[in-house]
Protein backbone atom coordinates (compact mmCIF):
# COMPACT_ATOMS: atom_id res chain seq x y z
CA MET A 1 22.79 -0.76 -5.00
CA GLU A 2 24.31 -1.47 -8.43
CA GLU A 3 24.01 1.16 -11.15
CA ASN A 4 21.89 0.47 -14.25
CA LEU A 5 19.87 -2.07 -12.28
CA LYS A 6 16.39 -2.99 -13.49
CA ILE A 7 14.13 -1.14 -11.05
CA PRO A 8 10.40 -1.95 -10.78
CA ALA A 9 8.10 0.98 -11.51
CA HIS A 10 5.47 -0.13 -8.99
CA VAL A 11 6.39 -1.83 -5.71
CA ALA A 12 3.80 -3.10 -3.21
CA LEU A 13 4.59 -3.86 0.42
CA ILE A 14 2.87 -6.05 3.02
CA LEU A 15 4.41 -4.78 6.25
CA ASP A 16 4.20 -7.89 8.40
CA GLY A 17 5.82 -8.72 11.73
CA ASN A 18 5.46 -5.58 13.86
CA GLY A 19 3.71 -7.47 16.67
CA ARG A 20 6.20 -10.33 16.67
CA TRP A 21 9.09 -7.86 16.67
CA ALA A 22 7.69 -6.29 19.84
CA LYS A 23 6.89 -9.64 21.49
CA LYS A 24 10.46 -10.88 20.96
CA ARG A 25 11.63 -7.85 22.95
CA GLY A 26 8.98 -8.05 25.66
CA LEU A 27 7.37 -4.83 24.41
CA PRO A 28 3.72 -3.91 23.76
CA ARG A 29 2.56 -4.57 20.19
CA GLN A 30 1.95 -0.87 19.60
CA LEU A 31 5.66 -0.17 20.01
CA GLY A 32 6.29 -2.64 17.21
CA HIS A 33 3.92 -0.66 15.02
CA LYS A 34 5.72 2.58 15.98
CA LYS A 35 9.06 1.08 14.98
CA GLY A 36 7.48 -0.22 11.77
CA CYS A 37 6.33 3.32 10.96
CA GLU A 38 9.94 4.50 11.24
CA THR A 39 11.00 1.73 8.85
CA LEU A 40 8.35 2.85 6.38
CA GLU A 41 9.72 6.40 6.43
CA GLN A 42 13.15 5.06 5.41
CA VAL A 43 11.70 2.82 2.68
CA VAL A 44 9.72 5.74 1.22
CA GLU A 45 12.91 7.81 1.14
CA ASP A 46 14.81 4.97 -0.55
CA ALA A 47 12.05 4.44 -3.13
CA ALA A 48 12.27 8.09 -4.17
CA ARG A 49 16.06 7.88 -4.28
CA LEU A 50 16.03 4.77 -6.48
CA GLY A 51 13.51 6.13 -8.98
CA ILE A 52 10.60 3.86 -8.07
CA ARG A 53 7.53 5.69 -9.38
CA TYR A 54 4.79 4.05 -7.33
CA LEU A 55 4.94 2.56 -3.83
CA THR A 56 1.79 0.91 -2.48
CA VAL A 57 1.71 0.03 1.21
CA TYR A 58 -0.82 -2.19 3.02
CA GLY A 59 -1.57 0.01 6.01
CA PHE A 60 -4.82 -1.33 7.48
CA SER A 61 -7.26 -3.85 6.04
CA THR A 62 -11.02 -4.12 6.39
CA GLU A 63 -10.35 -7.22 8.50
CA ASN A 64 -7.94 -5.48 10.88
CA TRP A 65 -10.84 -3.91 12.76
CA LYS A 66 -11.20 -7.35 14.42
CA ARG A 67 -7.97 -6.81 16.33
CA PRO A 68 -8.02 -5.87 20.03
CA GLU A 69 -9.45 -2.40 20.63
CA GLU A 70 -6.25 -1.21 22.32
CA GLU A 71 -4.12 -2.18 19.31
CA VAL A 72 -6.52 -0.63 16.79
CA GLY A 73 -6.57 2.57 18.83
CA ALA A 74 -2.78 2.70 18.86
CA LEU A 75 -2.66 2.16 15.10
CA MET A 76 -5.16 4.96 14.50
CA ARG A 77 -3.12 7.31 16.71
CA LEU A 78 0.01 6.40 14.74
CA LEU A 79 -1.87 7.06 11.51
CA LEU A 80 -2.83 10.55 12.68
CA GLN A 81 0.69 11.25 13.90
CA TYR A 82 2.22 10.15 10.59
CA PHE A 83 -0.01 12.32 8.45
CA THR A 84 0.41 15.38 10.65
CA SER A 85 4.15 15.15 11.38
CA GLU A 86 5.42 13.86 8.03
CA ILE A 87 3.19 15.65 5.52
CA ASP A 88 5.40 18.78 5.32
CA GLU A 89 8.49 16.73 4.49
CA LEU A 90 6.65 14.47 2.05
CA ASN A 91 5.25 17.51 0.27
CA GLU A 92 8.68 19.17 0.12
CA LYS A 93 10.07 15.98 -1.46
CA ASN A 94 7.37 16.16 -4.17
CA VAL A 95 5.66 12.95 -2.97
CA ARG A 96 2.02 12.52 -3.96
CA ILE A 97 -0.24 10.79 -1.42
CA ARG A 98 -3.10 8.60 -2.51
CA ILE A 99 -5.33 6.52 -0.23
CA LEU A 100 -6.71 3.20 -1.46
CA GLY A 101 -9.81 2.17 0.47
CA ASP A 102 -12.92 3.56 2.05
CA ILE A 103 -11.74 6.52 4.15
CA ASP A 104 -15.22 7.77 4.93
CA GLY A 105 -16.35 4.26 5.84
CA MET A 106 -13.98 4.17 8.81
CA PRO A 107 -15.79 3.94 12.19
CA GLY A 108 -17.06 6.98 14.04
CA GLY A 109 -14.67 8.72 16.38
CA LEU A 110 -11.92 8.87 13.75
CA GLU A 111 -12.84 12.24 12.25
CA LYS A 112 -9.37 13.67 12.90
CA GLN A 113 -7.81 10.77 11.01
CA LYS A 114 -10.25 11.15 8.11
CA ASP A 115 -9.63 14.90 7.92
CA ALA A 116 -5.84 14.38 7.98
CA LEU A 117 -6.06 11.83 5.15
CA HIS A 118 -8.22 14.06 2.95
CA ALA A 119 -5.92 17.02 3.69
CA ALA A 120 -2.82 15.02 2.68
CA ILE A 121 -4.47 13.99 -0.59
CA ARG A 122 -5.46 17.57 -1.43
CA ARG A 123 -2.13 19.09 -0.44
CA THR A 124 0.03 16.71 -2.49
CA HIS A 125 -2.31 16.25 -5.44
CA GLU A 126 -0.17 18.24 -7.88
CA ASN A 127 3.15 16.68 -6.86
CA THR A 128 4.99 14.79 -9.59
CA GLY A 129 7.53 12.67 -7.70
CA LEU A 130 7.05 9.32 -5.99
CA GLN A 131 3.38 8.39 -5.66
CA LEU A 132 2.81 6.86 -2.24
CA ASN A 133 -0.38 4.81 -2.14
CA ILE A 134 -1.51 3.71 1.32
CA ALA A 135 -4.22 1.07 1.56
CA LEU A 136 -6.44 1.91 4.54
CA ASN A 137 -9.74 0.27 5.41
CA TYR A 138 -8.98 -1.71 2.26
CA GLY A 139 -9.88 -5.22 1.08
CA GLY A 140 -9.13 -6.64 -2.35
CA GLN A 141 -12.34 -8.67 -2.59
CA GLN A 142 -14.42 -5.71 -1.49
CA GLU A 143 -12.68 -3.51 -4.06
CA ILE A 144 -13.63 -5.91 -6.89
CA ILE A 145 -17.23 -6.15 -5.67
CA ARG A 146 -17.40 -2.34 -5.42
CA ALA A 147 -16.17 -2.00 -9.02
CA ALA A 148 -18.73 -4.55 -10.25
CA GLN A 149 -21.52 -2.70 -8.44
CA LYS A 150 -20.52 0.64 -9.97
CA LEU A 151 -20.44 -0.86 -13.48
CA ALA A 152 -23.85 -2.45 -12.87
CA GLU A 153 -25.18 0.99 -11.90
CA HIS A 154 -23.83 2.47 -15.14
CA VAL A 155 -25.59 -0.25 -17.15
CA ALA A 156 -28.83 0.15 -15.17
CA ASN A 157 -28.74 3.91 -15.78
CA GLY A 158 -28.24 3.38 -19.50
CA ASP A 159 -24.78 4.97 -19.48
CA MET A 160 -23.17 1.86 -20.98
CA GLU A 161 -24.00 -1.57 -22.37
CA PRO A 162 -22.87 -4.85 -20.78
CA GLU A 163 -20.62 -5.49 -23.77
CA ASP A 164 -18.84 -2.20 -23.05
CA ILE A 165 -17.42 -3.66 -19.86
CA ASP A 166 -13.81 -4.45 -20.74
CA ARG A 167 -10.57 -4.36 -18.79
CA LYS A 168 -10.22 -0.59 -19.16
CA ALA A 169 -13.77 0.04 -17.91
CA PHE A 170 -13.33 -2.33 -14.97
CA GLU A 171 -9.99 -0.86 -13.92
CA SER A 172 -11.44 2.66 -14.01
CA GLU A 173 -13.70 1.72 -11.08
CA LEU A 174 -10.92 0.31 -8.88
CA TYR A 175 -9.27 2.34 -6.12
CA THR A 176 -6.09 2.09 -8.21
CA ALA A 177 -7.65 3.68 -11.32
CA GLY A 178 -4.90 5.27 -13.41
CA LEU A 179 -2.07 3.32 -11.73
CA PRO A 180 -0.04 0.65 -13.50
CA ASP A 181 -0.26 -2.92 -12.23
CA VAL A 182 2.17 -3.92 -9.50
CA ASP A 183 5.57 -5.12 -10.73
CA PHE A 184 6.98 -6.38 -7.45
CA LEU A 185 5.34 -7.45 -4.17
CA ILE A 186 7.44 -7.70 -1.00
CA ARG A 187 6.09 -9.42 2.10
CA THR A 188 8.08 -9.53 5.30
CA SER A 189 8.09 -11.88 8.34
CA GLY A 190 7.97 -15.20 6.47
CA GLU A 191 4.25 -15.36 5.79
CA MET A 192 3.13 -16.74 2.40
CA ARG A 193 -0.27 -15.24 1.64
CA LEU A 194 -1.81 -12.18 -0.02
CA SER A 195 -4.13 -11.29 2.89
CA ASN A 196 -6.78 -9.81 0.58
CA PHE A 197 -4.34 -7.25 -0.86
CA LEU A 198 -4.53 -5.98 -4.47
CA LEU A 199 -5.98 -9.24 -5.76
CA TYR A 200 -6.62 -7.80 -9.23
CA GLN A 201 -3.49 -5.67 -9.53
CA LEU A 202 -1.06 -8.47 -8.61
CA ALA A 203 -1.97 -10.64 -11.61
CA TYR A 204 1.58 -10.73 -13.01
CA ALA A 205 3.59 -9.26 -10.13
CA GLU A 206 6.82 -10.87 -9.04
CA PHE A 207 6.63 -12.01 -5.40
CA TYR A 208 9.40 -11.71 -2.81
CA GLN A 209 9.14 -13.16 0.69
CA THR A 210 11.65 -12.62 3.49
CA ASP A 211 11.78 -13.88 7.08
CA THR A 212 12.90 -10.41 8.19
CA LEU A 213 10.31 -8.76 10.43
CA TRP A 214 9.11 -5.43 9.06
CA PRO A 215 10.74 -3.20 11.73
CA ASP A 216 14.10 -4.81 10.81
CA PHE A 217 13.61 -4.32 7.05
CA ASP A 218 16.47 -1.87 6.60
CA ARG A 219 18.15 -0.43 3.50
CA HIS A 220 20.28 -3.56 3.07
CA ALA A 221 17.19 -5.80 3.13
CA TYR A 222 15.44 -3.52 0.63
CA ASP A 223 18.45 -3.60 -1.70
CA GLU A 224 18.53 -7.41 -1.47
CA ALA A 225 14.89 -7.58 -2.50
CA LEU A 226 15.41 -5.26 -5.47
CA LEU A 227 18.48 -7.22 -6.57
CA ALA A 228 16.34 -10.37 -6.56
CA TYR A 229 13.77 -8.61 -8.74
CA ALA A 230 16.46 -7.53 -11.19
CA LYS A 231 17.33 -11.19 -11.79
CA ARG A 232 13.75 -12.23 -12.58
CA ASN A 233 12.65 -12.96 -16.14
CA ARG A 234 9.08 -11.65 -16.46
CA ARG A 235 7.21 -13.53 -19.19
CA PHE A 236 3.59 -12.42 -18.57
CA GLY A 237 2.28 -15.82 -19.67
CA GLY A 238 4.68 -16.16 -22.60
CA VAL A 239 7.81 -18.27 -22.89
């Protein structure tokens, strides 16, 4: 990576292609997810090394519960493993964990996962390094509706007037409250859609799409993406 390169403060990742990676190798889909988890560990390390302040990862959407029960179960086991085996190292590296989404709204039978997520948030809350935001049981449309409902409650309770609802007030009710908007979105595996991810926060993000499947998204691929970002001219609606 070149020195003095323009580095985005907030990078978002849609980690696509784990299942296809496994299928190409005649492996079960869950092994693709396991390999993808290893790739994520490397990307988190690289983000901290490069000085990226915020890294937001699409871990599991509200729609992903529709997947086969076996695959969902494997993903939930990986989630628990990640937050129990990696939390010591993440904490030592001064990484702060934040979960975007409805943790407590996850289905019954996942109490260990919920407890591990809440424990990771509490344990790393005071850390000042890379902030790792993981979107779990998350949907962008649902997040916007949730924010609107909360603001409506404030108005109904007399805590604010309708005219008090501005951008700052709305953003304070999002899961990402206090975070800057995304600068750079990376999606792997060749797909060209947002998949209900950070619909509000991506308003002026630069997009980067690669055919590389997520488990193969190595340091070289990451550097290529960041080099592409460095060449972009962000105008935010201007000229």
